Amino acid sequence: MIELSDAGQHRLDRLAELLHVRVYRDPGVIRMDDKAGRIVRAIFDAYAAKPQLMPVRFARRAVEDGVARVAADYVAGMTDRYCQEEHARLFDPRMEA
């Protein structure tokens, strides 16, 4: 079994604390995380309400596997960029459908 030395564990603990203070609790990061959650939720809700908004192979699966499961799977597989583009396509009236 491998384990950290006391000094190594101390360094790891200090790094974890630094990450919490400087990254995880940073107001900008918290705002971005909140915005991402709203975007993902809006896309999921749109697909759950209208499965035909998803690609055909997913919309067909929704009949058998349930629309919530398929919508969740589809959204979970999105990259950040694709998720943002899909949100704009679904909700920005200036975008083509």
C-alpha atoms as a PDB file:
ATOM      1  CA  MET A   1       0.000   0.000   0.000  1.00  0.00           C
ATOM      2  CA  ILE A   2       1.198   3.484  -0.825  1.00  0.00           C
ATOM      3  CA  GLU A   3       0.530   6.478   1.344  1.00  0.00           C
ATOM      4  CA  LEU A   4       1.781  10.028   1.644  1.00  0.00           C
ATOM      5  CA  SER A   5       4.371  11.040   4.158  1.00  0.00           C
ATOM      6  CA  ASP A   6       3.241  13.453   6.869  1.00  0.00           C
ATOM      7  CA  ALA A   7       4.938  16.300   4.961  1.00  0.00           C
ATOM      8  CA  GLY A   8       3.280  15.229   1.717  1.00  0.00           C
ATOM      9  CA  GLN A   9      -0.129  15.027   3.373  1.00  0.00           C
ATOM     10  CA  HIS A  10       0.403  18.478   4.884  1.00  0.00           C
ATOM     11  CA  ARG A  11       1.219  19.897   1.421  1.00  0.00           C
ATOM     12  CA  LEU A  12      -1.830  18.198  -0.076  1.00  0.00           C
ATOM     13  CA  ASP A  13      -4.061  19.610   2.675  1.00  0.00           C
ATOM     14  CA  ARG A  14      -2.661  23.119   2.082  1.00  0.00           C
ATOM     15  CA  LEU A  15      -3.259  22.776  -1.656  1.00  0.00           C
ATOM     16  CA  ALA A  16      -6.839  21.640  -1.083  1.00  0.00           C
ATOM     17  CA  GLU A  17      -7.489  24.636   1.163  1.00  0.00           C
ATOM     18  CA  LEU A  18      -5.956  26.989  -1.406  1.00  0.00           C
ATOM     19  CA  LEU A  19      -8.199  25.536  -4.120  1.00  0.00           C
ATOM     20  CA  HIS A  20     -11.273  26.032  -1.958  1.00  0.00           C
ATOM     21  CA  VAL A  21     -10.393  29.631  -1.163  1.00  0.00           C
ATOM     22  CA  ARG A  22      -9.068  30.738  -4.559  1.00  0.00           C
ATOM     23  CA  VAL A  23     -11.074  28.591  -6.990  1.00  0.00           C
ATOM     24  CA  TYR A  24     -14.161  26.823  -5.658  1.00  0.00           C
ATOM     25  CA  ARG A  25     -15.397  29.754  -3.554  1.00  0.00           C
ATOM     26  CA  ASP A  26     -14.375  32.463  -6.014  1.00  0.00           C
ATOM     27  CA  PRO A  27     -17.416  34.638  -6.814  1.00  0.00           C
ATOM     28  CA  GLY A  28     -16.692  34.509 -10.545  1.00  0.00           C
ATOM     29  CA  VAL A  29     -16.518  30.721 -10.515  1.00  0.00           C
ATOM     30  CA  ILE A  30     -19.708  30.497  -8.472  1.00  0.00           C
ATOM     31  CA  ARG A  31     -21.511  32.786 -10.964  1.00  0.00           C
ATOM     32  CA  MET A  32     -20.280  30.729 -13.930  1.00  0.00           C
ATOM     33  CA  ASP A  33     -21.345  27.507 -12.221  1.00  0.00           C
ATOM     34  CA  ASP A  34     -24.792  28.944 -11.520  1.00  0.00           C
ATOM     35  CA  LYS A  35     -25.149  30.110 -15.120  1.00  0.00           C
ATOM     36  CA  ALA A  36     -24.082  26.702 -16.445  1.00  0.00           C
ATOM     37  CA  GLY A  37     -26.691  25.045 -14.225  1.00  0.00           C
ATOM     38  CA  ARG A  38     -29.431  27.316 -15.570  1.00  0.00           C
ATOM     39  CA  ILE A  39     -28.381  26.596 -19.172  1.00  0.00           C
ATOM     40  CA  VAL A  40     -28.325  22.827 -18.641  1.00  0.00           C
ATOM     41  CA  ARG A  41     -31.685  22.900 -16.854  1.00  0.00           C
ATOM     42  CA  ALA A  42     -33.296  24.994 -19.609  1.00  0.00           C
ATOM     43  CA  ILE A  43     -32.060  22.634 -22.318  1.00  0.00           C
ATOM     44  CA  PHE A  44     -33.206  19.574 -20.380  1.00  0.00           C
ATOM     45  CA  ASP A  45     -36.636  21.100 -19.773  1.00  0.00           C
ATOM     46  CA  ALA A  46     -36.994  21.964 -23.465  1.00  0.00           C
ATOM     47  CA  TYR A  47     -36.132  18.420 -24.527  1.00  0.00           C
ATOM     48  CA  ALA A  48     -38.380  16.898 -21.881  1.00  0.00           C
ATOM     49  CA  ALA A  49     -41.290  19.022 -23.095  1.00  0.00           C
ATOM     50  CA  LYS A  50     -40.564  18.445 -26.794  1.00  0.00           C
ATOM     51  CA  PRO A  51     -38.390  15.380 -27.422  1.00  0.00           C
ATOM     52  CA  GLN A  52     -38.497  16.110 -31.155  1.00  0.00           C
ATOM     53  CA  LEU A  53     -36.034  18.942 -30.489  1.00  0.00           C
ATOM     54  CA  MET A  54     -33.368  16.285 -29.942  1.00  0.00           C
ATOM     55  CA  PRO A  55     -31.768  14.429 -32.857  1.00  0.00           C
ATOM     56  CA  VAL A  56     -34.073  11.780 -34.315  1.00  0.00           C
ATOM     57  CA  ARG A  57     -32.250   8.802 -32.829  1.00  0.00           C
ATOM     58  CA  PHE A  58     -32.652  10.252 -29.327  1.00  0.00           C
ATOM     59  CA  ALA A  59     -36.261  11.308 -29.865  1.00  0.00           C
ATOM     60  CA  ARG A  60     -37.073   7.740 -30.922  1.00  0.00           C
ATOM     61  CA  ARG A  61     -35.349   6.329 -27.839  1.00  0.00           C
ATOM     62  CA  ALA A  62     -37.482   8.578 -25.637  1.00  0.00           C
ATOM     63  CA  VAL A  63     -40.567   6.499 -26.461  1.00  0.00           C
ATOM     64  CA  GLU A  64     -38.950   3.339 -25.121  1.00  0.00           C
ATOM     65  CA  ASP A  65     -36.623   4.588 -22.379  1.00  0.00           C
ATOM     66  CA  GLY A  66     -38.566   7.612 -21.154  1.00  0.00           C
ATOM     67  CA  VAL A  67     -38.066  11.182 -22.193  1.00  0.00           C
ATOM     68  CA  ALA A  68     -36.376  12.301 -18.956  1.00  0.00           C
ATOM     69  CA  ARG A  69     -33.758   9.530 -19.136  1.00  0.00           C
ATOM     70  CA  VAL A  70     -32.969  10.195 -22.793  1.00  0.00           C
ATOM     71  CA  ALA A  71     -32.887  13.976 -22.398  1.00  0.00           C
ATOM     72  CA  ALA A  72     -30.541  13.612 -19.424  1.00  0.00           C
ATOM     73  CA  ASP A  73     -28.275  11.248 -21.367  1.00  0.00           C
ATOM     74  CA  TYR A  74     -28.183  13.552 -24.359  1.00  0.00           C
ATOM     75  CA  VAL A  75     -27.405  16.662 -22.304  1.00  0.00           C
ATOM     76  CA  ALA A  76     -24.785  14.782 -20.263  1.00  0.00           C
ATOM     77  CA  GLY A  77     -22.935  13.930 -23.473  1.00  0.00           C
ATOM     78  CA  MET A  78     -22.676  17.549 -24.624  1.00  0.00           C
ATOM     79  CA  THR A  79     -19.431  19.464 -24.596  1.00  0.00           C
ATOM     80  CA  ASP A  80     -19.499  22.882 -22.971  1.00  0.00           C
ATOM     81  CA  ARG A  81     -19.329  24.607 -26.346  1.00  0.00           C
ATOM     82  CA  TYR A  82     -22.078  22.492 -27.896  1.00  0.00           C
ATOM     83  CA  CYS A  83     -24.275  23.055 -24.840  1.00  0.00           C
ATOM     84  CA  GLN A  84     -23.901  26.829 -25.203  1.00  0.00           C
ATOM     85  CA  GLU A  85     -24.599  26.641 -28.942  1.00  0.00           C
ATOM     86  CA  GLU A  86     -27.649  24.442 -28.388  1.00  0.00           C
ATOM     87  CA  HIS A  87     -28.974  26.836 -25.739  1.00  0.00           C
ATOM     88  CA  ALA A  88     -28.614  29.719 -28.190  1.00  0.00           C
ATOM     89  CA  ARG A  89     -30.320  27.679 -30.943  1.00  0.00           C
ATOM     90  CA  LEU A  90     -33.233  26.814 -28.671  1.00  0.00           C
ATOM     91  CA  PHE A  91     -33.723  30.157 -26.920  1.00  0.00           C
ATOM     92  CA  ASP A  92     -32.147  32.986 -28.903  1.00  0.00           C
ATOM     93  CA  PRO A  93     -34.741  34.263 -31.392  1.00  0.00           C
ATOM     94  CA  ARG A  94     -31.933  35.561 -33.607  1.00  0.00           C
ATOM     95  CA  MET A  95     -30.617  32.034 -34.176  1.00  0.00           C
ATOM     96  CA  GLU A  96     -31.911  29.733 -36.863  1.00  0.00           C
ATOM     97  CA  ALA A  97     -33.599  26.566 -35.655  1.00  0.00           C
END
